[in-house]
Amino acid sequence: MEPKKNQHVELKRNSLLYFFMGMFLVLLLIYTALEWKTYYETPDWDISLINPDMLPDEEIPITIQKLPPPPPPQIQAPPVIEIVEDDTDLEETVIESSETDQYEEITPIETIEVADEDEPEIVPWVLIEDAPIFPGCENVTDKEEKKICFQNMMQKHIQKNIRYPKIAQEMGLEGRVNVVFTIQKDGTIGDVRMRGSHESLEGEAARIISKLPRMTPGKQRGNAVKVPFSIPITFKLN
Protein backbone atom coordinates (compact mmCIF):
# COMPACT_ATOMS: atom_id res chain seq x y z
CA MET A 1 0.00 0.00 0.00
CA GLU A 2 1.60 3.31 -0.97
CA PRO A 3 1.45 6.33 1.34
CA LYS A 4 -0.75 9.15 0.29
CA LYS A 5 1.93 11.87 0.82
CA ASN A 6 5.46 12.08 -0.53
CA GLN A 7 8.03 11.81 2.31
CA HIS A 8 10.62 13.95 0.49
CA VAL A 9 8.40 17.01 0.69
CA GLU A 10 7.26 16.37 4.30
CA LEU A 11 8.07 19.46 6.37
CA LYS A 12 8.04 17.78 9.75
CA ARG A 13 10.54 15.11 8.78
CA ASN A 14 13.68 17.05 10.03
CA SER A 15 11.97 19.33 12.56
CA LEU A 16 13.86 17.85 15.55
CA LEU A 17 17.21 18.37 13.86
CA TYR A 18 16.36 21.96 13.01
CA PHE A 19 15.27 22.55 16.61
CA PHE A 20 18.60 21.38 18.11
CA MET A 21 20.61 23.34 15.56
CA GLY A 22 18.64 26.46 16.37
CA MET A 23 19.13 25.93 20.10
CA PHE A 24 22.87 25.45 19.59
CA LEU A 25 23.19 28.65 17.55
CA VAL A 26 21.20 30.64 20.12
CA LEU A 27 23.30 29.36 23.02
CA LEU A 28 26.51 30.05 21.08
CA LEU A 29 25.34 33.58 20.39
CA ILE A 30 24.44 34.19 24.03
CA TYR A 31 27.80 32.79 25.25
CA THR A 32 29.71 34.96 22.80
CA ALA A 33 27.76 38.05 23.91
CA LEU A 34 28.48 37.36 27.60
CA GLU A 35 32.18 36.64 27.12
CA TRP A 36 32.84 39.55 24.78
CA LYS A 37 35.40 41.96 26.28
CA THR A 38 36.34 45.44 25.19
CA TYR A 39 39.37 47.47 26.28
CA TYR A 40 39.97 51.22 26.34
CA GLU A 41 42.97 52.45 24.50
CA THR A 42 45.46 54.23 26.77
CA PRO A 43 48.01 56.63 25.31
CA ASP A 44 51.69 55.85 25.80
CA TRP A 45 53.19 58.51 28.11
CA ASP A 46 56.88 59.15 28.12
CA ILE A 47 57.95 60.47 31.52
CA SER A 48 61.12 61.93 30.05
CA LEU A 49 59.04 64.29 27.84
CA ILE A 50 57.21 65.86 30.83
CA ASN A 51 58.43 69.37 31.56
CA PRO A 52 58.64 69.97 35.34
CA ASP A 53 58.11 73.70 34.76
CA MET A 54 54.61 72.93 33.51
CA LEU A 55 53.63 71.29 36.79
CA PRO A 56 51.74 73.51 39.26
CA ASP A 57 53.82 74.80 42.17
CA GLU A 58 52.59 73.87 45.64
CA GLU A 59 53.09 76.68 48.10
CA ILE A 60 53.75 75.54 51.68
CA PRO A 61 52.27 77.94 54.21
CA ILE A 62 54.75 79.42 56.66
CA THR A 63 53.68 79.09 60.26
CA ILE A 64 55.16 81.19 63.03
CA GLN A 65 55.11 79.74 66.54
CA LYS A 66 55.14 82.29 69.31
CA LEU A 67 57.27 81.16 72.23
CA PRO A 68 56.98 82.70 75.68
CA PRO A 69 59.72 85.19 76.52
CA PRO A 70 62.63 83.82 78.56
CA PRO A 71 62.58 84.54 82.30
CA PRO A 72 64.61 87.52 83.42
CA PRO A 73 68.06 86.68 84.80
CA GLN A 74 68.29 86.45 88.57
CA ILE A 75 70.54 89.01 90.12
CA GLN A 76 72.59 87.51 92.92
CA ALA A 77 73.93 89.67 95.65
CA PRO A 78 77.71 89.65 95.94
CA PRO A 79 79.12 87.86 99.00
CA VAL A 80 79.82 90.00 102.03
CA ILE A 81 83.53 90.18 102.77
CA GLU A 82 84.44 90.92 106.34
CA ILE A 83 87.69 92.78 106.82
CA VAL A 84 89.55 91.72 109.95
CA GLU A 85 91.82 94.27 111.54
CA ASP A 86 95.42 93.37 112.17
CA ASP A 87 95.18 94.07 115.89
CA THR A 88 92.45 91.42 116.47
CA ASP A 89 93.70 88.46 118.53
CA LEU A 90 92.67 85.08 117.12
CA GLU A 91 92.32 82.05 119.38
CA GLU A 92 94.33 79.09 118.21
CA THR A 93 93.03 75.55 118.71
CA VAL A 94 95.46 73.41 120.63
CA ILE A 95 95.48 69.74 119.67
CA GLU A 96 96.46 67.63 122.63
CA SER A 97 98.28 64.35 122.20
CA SER A 98 96.37 61.16 123.09
CA GLU A 99 99.50 59.09 123.74
CA THR A 100 100.38 58.00 127.24
CA ASP A 101 103.63 58.76 129.00
CA GLN A 102 105.53 57.17 131.84
CA TYR A 103 103.94 59.38 134.49
CA GLU A 104 100.30 58.43 133.66
CA GLU A 105 98.63 56.09 136.14
CA ILE A 106 97.21 52.78 134.84
CA THR A 107 93.76 51.71 136.00
CA PRO A 108 93.78 48.36 137.87
CA ILE A 109 92.17 45.44 136.01
CA GLU A 110 89.93 44.63 139.00
CA THR A 111 88.12 47.96 138.67
CA ILE A 112 87.19 47.42 134.97
CA GLU A 113 83.62 46.26 134.55
CA VAL A 114 83.12 43.46 132.03
CA ALA A 115 79.88 43.60 130.09
CA ASP A 116 77.67 40.54 130.32
CA GLU A 117 77.56 38.39 127.22
CA ASP A 118 74.32 38.47 125.30
CA GLU A 119 72.62 35.16 125.93
CA PRO A 120 70.26 33.96 123.22
CA GLU A 121 66.55 33.91 124.04
CA ILE A 122 65.76 30.86 121.87
CA VAL A 123 68.19 28.03 121.08
CA PRO A 124 67.38 25.38 118.42
CA TRP A 125 67.08 21.76 119.50
CA VAL A 126 70.21 20.69 117.58
CA LEU A 127 72.38 23.41 119.18
CA ILE A 128 71.17 23.25 122.79
CA GLU A 129 73.86 22.26 125.30
CA ASP A 130 71.51 20.78 127.90
CA ALA A 131 68.29 19.58 126.25
CA PRO A 132 64.96 19.79 128.10
CA ILE A 133 64.28 16.75 130.28
CA PHE A 134 61.02 14.84 129.89
CA PRO A 135 59.68 13.45 133.18
CA GLY A 136 61.18 9.98 133.48
CA CYS A 137 64.53 10.86 131.86
CA GLU A 138 66.15 12.47 134.89
CA ASN A 139 68.51 9.55 135.55
CA VAL A 140 70.06 9.69 132.06
CA THR A 141 73.51 11.26 132.29
CA ASP A 142 74.68 11.46 128.67
CA LYS A 143 73.43 14.57 126.81
CA GLU A 144 72.74 12.79 123.53
CA GLU A 145 70.93 9.97 125.31
CA LYS A 146 68.78 12.59 127.07
CA LYS A 147 67.61 13.84 123.67
CA ILE A 148 66.84 10.28 122.55
CA CYS A 149 64.96 9.62 125.80
CA PHE A 150 62.98 12.84 125.28
CA GLN A 151 61.90 11.77 121.79
CA ASN A 152 60.96 8.26 122.95
CA MET A 153 58.85 9.62 125.80
CA MET A 154 57.11 11.96 123.37
CA GLN A 155 56.17 9.01 121.14
CA LYS A 156 54.83 7.09 124.13
CA HIS A 157 52.79 10.11 125.22
CA ILE A 158 51.25 10.43 121.74
CA GLN A 159 50.39 6.72 121.49
CA LYS A 160 48.84 6.75 124.96
CA ASN A 161 46.66 9.84 124.52
CA ILE A 162 45.67 9.70 120.83
CA ARG A 163 41.95 9.42 120.13
CA TYR A 164 40.91 9.18 116.50
CA PRO A 165 38.25 11.87 115.83
CA LYS A 166 34.82 10.46 114.96
CA ILE A 167 34.37 12.93 112.10
CA ALA A 168 37.67 11.81 110.58
CA GLN A 169 36.65 8.15 110.95
CA GLU A 170 33.29 8.74 109.25
CA MET A 171 34.94 10.65 106.40
CA GLY A 172 37.81 8.18 106.15
CA LEU A 173 40.44 10.89 106.70
CA GLU A 174 44.08 9.96 107.18
CA GLY A 175 47.24 12.03 107.17
CA ARG A 176 49.98 13.66 109.15
CA VAL A 177 49.90 16.72 111.37
CA ASN A 178 53.22 18.54 111.82
CA VAL A 179 53.35 20.05 115.31
CA VAL A 180 55.83 22.68 116.50
CA PHE A 181 55.88 23.90 120.10
CA THR A 182 58.32 25.69 122.41
CA ILE A 183 59.47 24.51 125.82
CA GLN A 184 59.54 27.73 127.83
CA LYS A 185 62.10 28.76 130.46
CA ASP A 186 59.82 27.47 133.23
CA GLY A 187 59.28 24.09 131.54
CA THR A 188 55.75 24.75 130.27
CA ILE A 189 54.59 24.30 126.66
CA GLY A 190 53.80 27.38 124.51
CA ASP A 191 53.73 28.76 120.98
CA VAL A 192 51.99 25.66 119.65
CA ARG A 193 51.66 25.63 115.87
CA MET A 194 50.44 22.84 113.63
CA ARG A 195 49.57 22.07 110.06
CA GLY A 196 47.59 19.10 108.83
CA SER A 197 45.25 17.84 106.16
CA HIS A 198 42.01 18.47 108.13
CA GLU A 199 40.85 20.60 111.06
CA SER A 200 39.63 17.59 113.05
CA LEU A 201 43.09 16.01 112.92
CA GLU A 202 44.72 19.31 113.91
CA GLY A 203 42.31 19.63 116.86
CA GLU A 204 43.22 16.16 118.13
CA ALA A 205 46.93 16.95 117.79
CA ALA A 206 46.43 20.14 119.82
CA ARG A 207 44.63 18.15 122.55
CA ILE A 208 47.53 15.68 122.75
CA ILE A 209 50.12 18.46 123.09
CA SER A 210 48.03 20.20 125.77
CA LYS A 211 48.35 17.06 127.96
CA LEU A 212 52.16 17.18 128.00
CA PRO A 213 53.61 17.32 131.53
CA ARG A 214 55.79 20.10 132.84
CA MET A 215 59.42 19.52 131.89
CA THR A 216 62.85 20.59 133.03
CA PRO A 217 63.77 23.53 130.76
CA GLY A 218 66.75 23.44 128.44
CA LYS A 219 69.90 25.32 129.40
CA GLN A 220 72.57 27.13 127.42
CA ARG A 221 75.75 28.04 129.36
CA GLY A 222 73.91 27.26 132.56
CA ASN A 223 70.97 29.61 131.87
CA ALA A 224 67.44 28.47 131.07
CA VAL A 225 66.38 29.24 127.48
CA LYS A 226 63.44 28.55 125.20
CA VAL A 227 63.82 25.46 123.04
CA PRO A 228 61.52 24.81 120.04
CA PHE A 229 60.67 21.20 119.23
CA SER A 230 58.84 19.69 116.27
CA ILE A 231 57.23 16.26 115.88
CA PRO A 232 54.83 14.73 113.32
CA ILE A 233 51.66 12.97 114.50
CA THR A 234 50.38 10.40 112.00
CA PHE A 235 46.69 9.44 111.84
CA LYS A 236 45.96 6.14 110.11
CA LEU A 237 42.79 4.05 110.10
CA ASN A 238 43.12 0.34 110.79
C-alpha atoms as a PDB file:
ATOM      1  CA  MET A   1       0.000   0.000   0.000  1.00  0.00           C
ATOM      2  CA  GLU A   2       1.597   3.306  -0.969  1.00  0.00           C
ATOM      3  CA  PRO A   3       1.450   6.331   1.336  1.00  0.00           C
ATOM      4  CA  LYS A   4      -0.752   9.152   0.294  1.00  0.00           C
ATOM      5  CA  LYS A   5       1.934  11.868   0.823  1.00  0.00           C
ATOM      6  CA  ASN A   6       5.456  12.083  -0.527  1.00  0.00           C
ATOM      7  CA  GLN A   7       8.035  11.812   2.312  1.00  0.00           C
ATOM      8  CA  HIS A   8      10.620  13.950   0.492  1.00  0.00           C
ATOM      9  CA  VAL A   9       8.400  17.010   0.695  1.00  0.00           C
ATOM     10  CA  GLU A  10       7.261  16.368   4.298  1.00  0.00           C
ATOM     11  CA  LEU A  11       8.074  19.464   6.369  1.00  0.00           C
ATOM     12  CA  LYS A  12       8.044  17.784   9.751  1.00  0.00           C
ATOM     13  CA  ARG A  13      10.535  15.108   8.779  1.00  0.00           C
ATOM     14  CA  ASN A  14      13.681  17.054  10.034  1.00  0.00           C
ATOM     15  CA  SER A  15      11.970  19.327  12.562  1.00  0.00           C
ATOM     16  CA  LEU A  16      13.857  17.846  15.549  1.00  0.00           C
ATOM     17  CA  LEU A  17      17.209  18.374  13.860  1.00  0.00           C
ATOM     18  CA  TYR A  18      16.357  21.956  13.011  1.00  0.00           C
ATOM     19  CA  PHE A  19      15.268  22.548  16.613  1.00  0.00           C
ATOM     20  CA  PHE A  20      18.602  21.384  18.111  1.00  0.00           C
ATOM     21  CA  MET A  21      20.608  23.339  15.564  1.00  0.00           C
ATOM     22  CA  GLY A  22      18.640  26.462  16.366  1.00  0.00           C
ATOM     23  CA  MET A  23      19.134  25.929  20.100  1.00  0.00           C
ATOM     24  CA  PHE A  24      22.872  25.448  19.592  1.00  0.00           C
ATOM     25  CA  LEU A  25      23.191  28.646  17.549  1.00  0.00           C
ATOM     26  CA  VAL A  26      21.195  30.643  20.115  1.00  0.00           C
ATOM     27  CA  LEU A  27      23.304  29.358  23.024  1.00  0.00           C
ATOM     28  CA  LEU A  28      26.509  30.048  21.081  1.00  0.00           C
ATOM     29  CA  LEU A  29      25.340  33.576  20.390  1.00  0.00           C
ATOM     30  CA  ILE A  30      24.444  34.187  24.034  1.00  0.00           C
ATOM     31  CA  TYR A  31      27.798  32.790  25.247  1.00  0.00           C
ATOM     32  CA  THR A  32      29.709  34.963  22.795  1.00  0.00           C
ATOM     33  CA  ALA A  33      27.762  38.050  23.907  1.00  0.00           C
ATOM     34  CA  LEU A  34      28.476  37.362  27.595  1.00  0.00           C
ATOM     35  CA  GLU A  35      32.182  36.640  27.122  1.00  0.00           C
ATOM     36  CA  TRP A  36      32.843  39.550  24.784  1.00  0.00           C
ATOM     37  CA  LYS A  37      35.395  41.959  26.280  1.00  0.00           C
ATOM     38  CA  THR A  38      36.343  45.440  25.193  1.00  0.00           C
ATOM     39  CA  TYR A  39      39.372  47.470  26.280  1.00  0.00           C
ATOM     40  CA  TYR A  40      39.970  51.220  26.337  1.00  0.00           C
ATOM     41  CA  GLU A  41      42.972  52.452  24.496  1.00  0.00           C
ATOM     42  CA  THR A  42      45.464  54.235  26.773  1.00  0.00           C
ATOM     43  CA  PRO A  43      48.014  56.630  25.314  1.00  0.00           C
ATOM     44  CA  ASP A  44      51.690  55.851  25.805  1.00  0.00           C
ATOM     45  CA  TRP A  45      53.192  58.509  28.114  1.00  0.00           C
ATOM     46  CA  ASP A  46      56.883  59.154  28.124  1.00  0.00           C
ATOM     47  CA  ILE A  47      57.950  60.472  31.517  1.00  0.00           C
ATOM     48  CA  SER A  48      61.117  61.925  30.047  1.00  0.00           C
ATOM     49  CA  LEU A  49      59.038  64.290  27.840  1.00  0.00           C
ATOM     50  CA  ILE A  50      57.213  65.865  30.832  1.00  0.00           C
ATOM     51  CA  ASN A  51      58.430  69.374  31.562  1.00  0.00           C
ATOM     52  CA  PRO A  52      58.641  69.971  35.339  1.00  0.00           C
ATOM     53  CA  ASP A  53      58.107  73.699  34.762  1.00  0.00           C
ATOM     54  CA  MET A  54      54.606  72.930  33.507  1.00  0.00           C
ATOM     55  CA  LEU A  55      53.634  71.286  36.794  1.00  0.00           C
ATOM     56  CA  PRO A  56      51.744  73.512  39.255  1.00  0.00           C
ATOM     57  CA  ASP A  57      53.816  74.803  42.167  1.00  0.00           C
ATOM     58  CA  GLU A  58      52.595  73.869  45.638  1.00  0.00           C
ATOM     59  CA  GLU A  59      53.094  76.683  48.102  1.00  0.00           C
ATOM     60  CA  ILE A  60      53.750  75.535  51.676  1.00  0.00           C
ATOM     61  CA  PRO A  61      52.266  77.937  54.210  1.00  0.00           C
ATOM     62  CA  ILE A  62      54.746  79.418  56.660  1.00  0.00           C
ATOM     63  CA  THR A  63      53.675  79.091  60.262  1.00  0.00           C
ATOM     64  CA  ILE A  64      55.156  81.194  63.033  1.00  0.00           C
ATOM     65  CA  GLN A  65      55.111  79.740  66.544  1.00  0.00           C
ATOM     66  CA  LYS A  66      55.136  82.290  69.310  1.00  0.00           C
ATOM     67  CA  LEU A  67      57.271  81.157  72.230  1.00  0.00           C
ATOM     68  CA  PRO A  68      56.981  82.704  75.684  1.00  0.00           C
ATOM     69  CA  PRO A  69      59.722  85.193  76.516  1.00  0.00           C
ATOM     70  CA  PRO A  70      62.631  83.815  78.559  1.00  0.00           C
ATOM     71  CA  PRO A  71      62.580  84.537  82.301  1.00  0.00           C
ATOM     72  CA  PRO A  72      64.612  87.518  83.419  1.00  0.00           C
ATOM     73  CA  PRO A  73      68.062  86.679  84.798  1.00  0.00           C
ATOM     74  CA  GLN A  74      68.292  86.449  88.565  1.00  0.00           C
ATOM     75  CA  ILE A  75      70.538  89.012  90.124  1.00  0.00           C
ATOM     76  CA  GLN A  76      72.591  87.506  92.918  1.00  0.00           C
ATOM     77  CA  ALA A  77      73.926  89.670  95.645  1.00  0.00           C
ATOM     78  CA  PRO A  78      77.712  89.647  95.944  1.00  0.00           C
ATOM     79  CA  PRO A  79      79.124  87.862  99.002  1.00  0.00           C
ATOM     80  CA  VAL A  80      79.825  90.001 102.028  1.00  0.00           C
ATOM     81  CA  ILE A  81      83.527  90.181 102.768  1.00  0.00           C
ATOM     82  CA  GLU A  82      84.444  90.923 106.338  1.00  0.00           C
ATOM     83  CA  ILE A  83      87.693  92.779 106.817  1.00  0.00           C
ATOM     84  CA  VAL A  84      89.555  91.724 109.946  1.00  0.00           C
ATOM     85  CA  GLU A  85      91.821  94.267 111.544  1.00  0.00           C
ATOM     86  CA  ASP A  86      95.419  93.373 112.170  1.00  0.00           C
ATOM     87  CA  ASP A  87      95.179  94.067 115.895  1.00  0.00           C
ATOM     88  CA  THR A  88      92.447  91.424 116.468  1.00  0.00           C
ATOM     89  CA  ASP A  89      93.695  88.457 118.534  1.00  0.00           C
ATOM     90  CA  LEU A  90      92.670  85.079 117.120  1.00  0.00           C
ATOM     91  CA  GLU A  91      92.317  82.045 119.379  1.00  0.00           C
ATOM     92  CA  GLU A  92      94.328  79.088 118.205  1.00  0.00           C
ATOM     93  CA  THR A  93      93.028  75.554 118.706  1.00  0.00           C
ATOM     94  CA  VAL A  94      95.461  73.409 120.630  1.00  0.00           C
ATOM     95  CA  ILE A  95      95.480  69.739 119.672  1.00  0.00           C
ATOM     96  CA  GLU A  96      96.462  67.628 122.634  1.00  0.00           C
ATOM     97  CA  SER A  97      98.276  64.348 122.200  1.00  0.00           C
ATOM     98  CA  SER A  98      96.373  61.159 123.089  1.00  0.00           C
ATOM     99  CA  GLU A  99      99.499  59.087 123.738  1.00  0.00           C
ATOM    100  CA  THR A 100     100.379  58.004 127.241  1.00  0.00           C
ATOM    101  CA  ASP A 101     103.628  58.757 129.000  1.00  0.00           C
ATOM    102  CA  GLN A 102     105.534  57.170 131.837  1.00  0.00           C
ATOM    103  CA  TYR A 103     103.942  59.384 134.489  1.00  0.00           C
ATOM    104  CA  GLU A 104     100.302  58.427 133.663  1.00  0.00           C
ATOM    105  CA  GLU A 105      98.628  56.092 136.145  1.00  0.00           C
ATOM    106  CA  ILE A 106      97.215  52.784 134.839  1.00  0.00           C
ATOM    107  CA  THR A 107      93.761  51.710 135.997  1.00  0.00           C
ATOM    108  CA  PRO A 108      93.777  48.361 137.873  1.00  0.00           C
ATOM    109  CA  ILE A 109      92.169  45.435 136.013  1.00  0.00           C
ATOM    110  CA  GLU A 110      89.930  44.633 139.002  1.00  0.00           C
ATOM    111  CA  THR A 111      88.118  47.962 138.669  1.00  0.00           C
ATOM    112  CA  ILE A 112      87.192  47.424 134.971  1.00  0.00           C
ATOM    113  CA  GLU A 113      83.624  46.256 134.552  1.00  0.00           C
ATOM    114  CA  VAL A 114      83.119  43.464 132.027  1.00  0.00           C
ATOM    115  CA  ALA A 115      79.881  43.603 130.087  1.00  0.00           C
ATOM    116  CA  ASP A 116      77.671  40.543 130.325  1.00  0.00           C
ATOM    117  CA  GLU A 117      77.561  38.387 127.223  1.00  0.00           C
ATOM    118  CA  ASP A 118      74.316  38.470 125.296  1.00  0.00           C
ATOM    119  CA  GLU A 119      72.621  35.160 125.929  1.00  0.00           C
ATOM    120  CA  PRO A 120      70.261  33.955 123.215  1.00  0.00           C
ATOM    121  CA  GLU A 121      66.553  33.913 124.036  1.00  0.00           C
ATOM    122  CA  ILE A 122      65.756  30.865 121.870  1.00  0.00           C
ATOM    123  CA  VAL A 123      68.186  28.034 121.078  1.00  0.00           C
ATOM    124  CA  PRO A 124      67.377  25.380 118.416  1.00  0.00           C
ATOM    125  CA  TRP A 125      67.081  21.762 119.496  1.00  0.00           C
ATOM    126  CA  VAL A 126      70.211  20.689 117.575  1.00  0.00           C
ATOM    127  CA  LEU A 127      72.380  23.407 119.184  1.00  0.00           C
ATOM    128  CA  ILE A 128      71.173  23.250 122.786  1.00  0.00           C
ATOM    129  CA  GLU A 129      73.859  22.263 125.299  1.00  0.00           C
ATOM    130  CA  ASP A 130      71.507  20.782 127.904  1.00  0.00           C
ATOM    131  CA  ALA A 131      68.286  19.578 126.255  1.00  0.00           C
ATOM    132  CA  PRO A 132      64.963  19.792 128.103  1.00  0.00           C
ATOM    133  CA  ILE A 133      64.282  16.745 130.278  1.00  0.00           C
ATOM    134  CA  PHE A 134      61.021  14.844 129.888  1.00  0.00           C
ATOM    135  CA  PRO A 135      59.683  13.450 133.180  1.00  0.00           C
ATOM    136  CA  GLY A 136      61.177   9.984 133.480  1.00  0.00           C
ATOM    137  CA  CYS A 137      64.533  10.856 131.855  1.00  0.00           C
ATOM    138  CA  GLU A 138      66.146  12.469 134.889  1.00  0.00           C
ATOM    139  CA  ASN A 139      68.509   9.551 135.548  1.00  0.00           C
ATOM    140  CA  VAL A 140      70.062   9.695 132.061  1.00  0.00           C
ATOM    141  CA  THR A 141      73.514  11.260 132.291  1.00  0.00           C
ATOM    142  CA  ASP A 142      74.684  11.464 128.670  1.00  0.00           C
ATOM    143  CA  LYS A 143      73.431  14.567 126.811  1.00  0.00           C
ATOM    144  CA  GLU A 144      72.743  12.794 123.532  1.00  0.00           C
ATOM    145  CA  GLU A 145      70.930   9.966 125.312  1.00  0.00           C
ATOM    146  CA  LYS A 146      68.785  12.586 127.065  1.00  0.00           C
ATOM    147  CA  LYS A 147      67.611  13.843 123.671  1.00  0.00           C
ATOM    148  CA  ILE A 148      66.842  10.283 122.553  1.00  0.00           C
ATOM    149  CA  CYS A 149      64.957   9.622 125.796  1.00  0.00           C
ATOM    150  CA  PHE A 150      62.982  12.843 125.280  1.00  0.00           C
ATOM    151  CA  GLN A 151      61.898  11.770 121.789  1.00  0.00           C
ATOM    152  CA  ASN A 152      60.957   8.262 122.952  1.00  0.00           C
ATOM    153  CA  MET A 153      58.849   9.617 125.800  1.00  0.00           C
ATOM    154  CA  MET A 154      57.106  11.956 123.371  1.00  0.00           C
ATOM    155  CA  GLN A 155      56.173   9.007 121.140  1.00  0.00           C
ATOM    156  CA  LYS A 156      54.832   7.086 124.132  1.00  0.00           C
ATOM    157  CA  HIS A 157      52.793  10.108 125.224  1.00  0.00           C
ATOM    158  CA  ILE A 158      51.246  10.427 121.744  1.00  0.00           C
ATOM    159  CA  GLN A 159      50.391   6.718 121.490  1.00  0.00           C
ATOM    160  CA  LYS A 160      48.842   6.755 124.962  1.00  0.00           C
ATOM    161  CA  ASN A 161      46.662   9.839 124.524  1.00  0.00           C
ATOM    162  CA  ILE A 162      45.674   9.700 120.826  1.00  0.00           C
ATOM    163  CA  ARG A 163      41.947   9.417 120.135  1.00  0.00           C
ATOM    164  CA  TYR A 164      40.914   9.179 116.499  1.00  0.00           C
ATOM    165  CA  PRO A 165      38.250  11.869 115.828  1.00  0.00           C
ATOM    166  CA  LYS A 166      34.816  10.456 114.958  1.00  0.00           C
ATOM    167  CA  ILE A 167      34.370  12.926 112.100  1.00  0.00           C
ATOM    168  CA  ALA A 168      37.666  11.808 110.584  1.00  0.00           C
ATOM    169  CA  GLN A 169      36.648   8.150 110.952  1.00  0.00           C
ATOM    170  CA  GLU A 170      33.292   8.743 109.245  1.00  0.00           C
ATOM    171  CA  MET A 171      34.939  10.651 106.399  1.00  0.00           C
ATOM    172  CA  GLY A 172      37.815   8.177 106.146  1.00  0.00           C
ATOM    173  CA  LEU A 173      40.437  10.886 106.705  1.00  0.00           C
ATOM    174  CA  GLU A 174      44.078   9.956 107.183  1.00  0.00           C
ATOM    175  CA  GLY A 175      47.236  12.027 107.173  1.00  0.00           C
ATOM    176  CA  ARG A 176      49.982  13.660 109.148  1.00  0.00           C
ATOM    177  CA  VAL A 177      49.897  16.725 111.374  1.00  0.00           C
ATOM    178  CA  ASN A 178      53.215  18.542 111.816  1.00  0.00           C
ATOM    179  CA  VAL A 179      53.347  20.047 115.312  1.00  0.00           C
ATOM    180  CA  VAL A 180      55.827  22.681 116.497  1.00  0.00           C
ATOM    181  CA  PHE A 181      55.876  23.903 120.099  1.00  0.00           C
ATOM    182  CA  THR A 182      58.320  25.688 122.409  1.00  0.00           C
ATOM    183  CA  ILE A 183      59.472  24.510 125.820  1.00  0.00           C
ATOM    184  CA  GLN A 184      59.539  27.734 127.829  1.00  0.00           C
ATOM    185  CA  LYS A 185      62.100  28.762 130.456  1.00  0.00           C
ATOM    186  CA  ASP A 186      59.822  27.467 133.234  1.00  0.00           C
ATOM    187  CA  GLY A 187      59.278  24.086 131.537  1.00  0.00           C
ATOM    188  CA  THR A 188      55.750  24.754 130.272  1.00  0.00           C
ATOM    189  CA  ILE A 189      54.593  24.304 126.661  1.00  0.00           C
ATOM    190  CA  GLY A 190      53.802  27.380 124.515  1.00  0.00           C
ATOM    191  CA  ASP A 191      53.730  28.758 120.982  1.00  0.00           C
ATOM    192  CA  VAL A 192      51.991  25.656 119.647  1.00  0.00           C
ATOM    193  CA  ARG A 193      51.658  25.630 115.866  1.00  0.00           C
ATOM    194  CA  MET A 194      50.442  22.845 113.627  1.00  0.00           C
ATOM    195  CA  ARG A 195      49.571  22.075 110.061  1.00  0.00           C
ATOM    196  CA  GLY A 196      47.587  19.098 108.832  1.00  0.00           C
ATOM    197  CA  SER A 197      45.246  17.843 106.159  1.00  0.00           C
ATOM    198  CA  HIS A 198      42.012  18.472 108.127  1.00  0.00           C
ATOM    199  CA  GLU A 199      40.848  20.598 111.059  1.00  0.00           C
ATOM    200  CA  SER A 200      39.628  17.591 113.049  1.00  0.00           C
ATOM    201  CA  LEU A 201      43.094  16.014 112.917  1.00  0.00           C
ATOM    202  CA  GLU A 202      44.719  19.308 113.910  1.00  0.00           C
ATOM    203  CA  GLY A 203      42.312  19.628 116.860  1.00  0.00           C
ATOM    204  CA  GLU A 204      43.218  16.155 118.125  1.00  0.00           C
ATOM    205  CA  ALA A 205      46.935  16.946 117.793  1.00  0.00           C
ATOM    206  CA  ALA A 206      46.435  20.143 119.816  1.00  0.00           C
ATOM    207  CA  ARG A 207      44.632  18.153 122.549  1.00  0.00           C
ATOM    208  CA  ILE A 208      47.528  15.679 122.753  1.00  0.00           C
ATOM    209  CA  ILE A 209      50.119  18.460 123.091  1.00  0.00           C
ATOM    210  CA  SER A 210      48.032  20.201 125.766  1.00  0.00           C
ATOM    211  CA  LYS A 211      48.347  17.055 127.964  1.00  0.00           C
ATOM    212  CA  LEU A 212      52.163  17.180 127.997  1.00  0.00           C
ATOM    213  CA  PRO A 213      53.608  17.324 131.526  1.00  0.00           C
ATOM    214  CA  ARG A 214      55.793  20.105 132.838  1.00  0.00           C
ATOM    215  CA  MET A 215      59.424  19.519 131.886  1.00  0.00           C
ATOM    216  CA  THR A 216      62.850  20.590 133.034  1.00  0.00           C
ATOM    217  CA  PRO A 217      63.772  23.534 130.757  1.00  0.00           C
ATOM    218  CA  GLY A 218      66.752  23.440 128.445  1.00  0.00           C
ATOM    219  CA  LYS A 219      69.898  25.319 129.400  1.00  0.00           C
ATOM    220  CA  GLN A 220      72.575  27.135 127.416  1.00  0.00           C
ATOM    221  CA  ARG A 221      75.746  28.036 129.363  1.00  0.00           C
ATOM    222  CA  GLY A 222      73.905  27.260 132.560  1.00  0.00           C
ATOM    223  CA  ASN A 223      70.970  29.613 131.865  1.00  0.00           C
ATOM    224  CA  ALA A 224      67.436  28.469 131.071  1.00  0.00           C
ATOM    225  CA  VAL A 225      66.382  29.240 127.481  1.00  0.00           C
ATOM    226  CA  LYS A 226      63.440  28.545 125.201  1.00  0.00           C
ATOM    227  CA  VAL A 227      63.822  25.458 123.038  1.00  0.00           C
ATOM    228  CA  PRO A 228      61.516  24.809 120.039  1.00  0.00           C
ATOM    229  CA  PHE A 229      60.672  21.203 119.230  1.00  0.00           C
ATOM    230  CA  SER A 230      58.835  19.688 116.269  1.00  0.00           C
ATOM    231  CA  ILE A 231      57.235  16.262 115.880  1.00  0.00           C
ATOM    232  CA  PRO A 232      54.832  14.729 113.318  1.00  0.00           C
ATOM    233  CA  ILE A 233      51.656  12.967 114.504  1.00  0.00           C
ATOM    234  CA  THR A 234      50.377  10.400 112.001  1.00  0.00           C
ATOM    235  CA  PHE A 235      46.689   9.438 111.843  1.00  0.00           C
ATOM    236  CA  LYS A 236      45.955   6.138 110.110  1.00  0.00           C
ATOM    237  CA  LEU A 237      42.793   4.050 110.095  1.00  0.00           C
ATOM    238  CA  ASN A 238      43.124   0.339 110.791  1.00  0.00           C
END
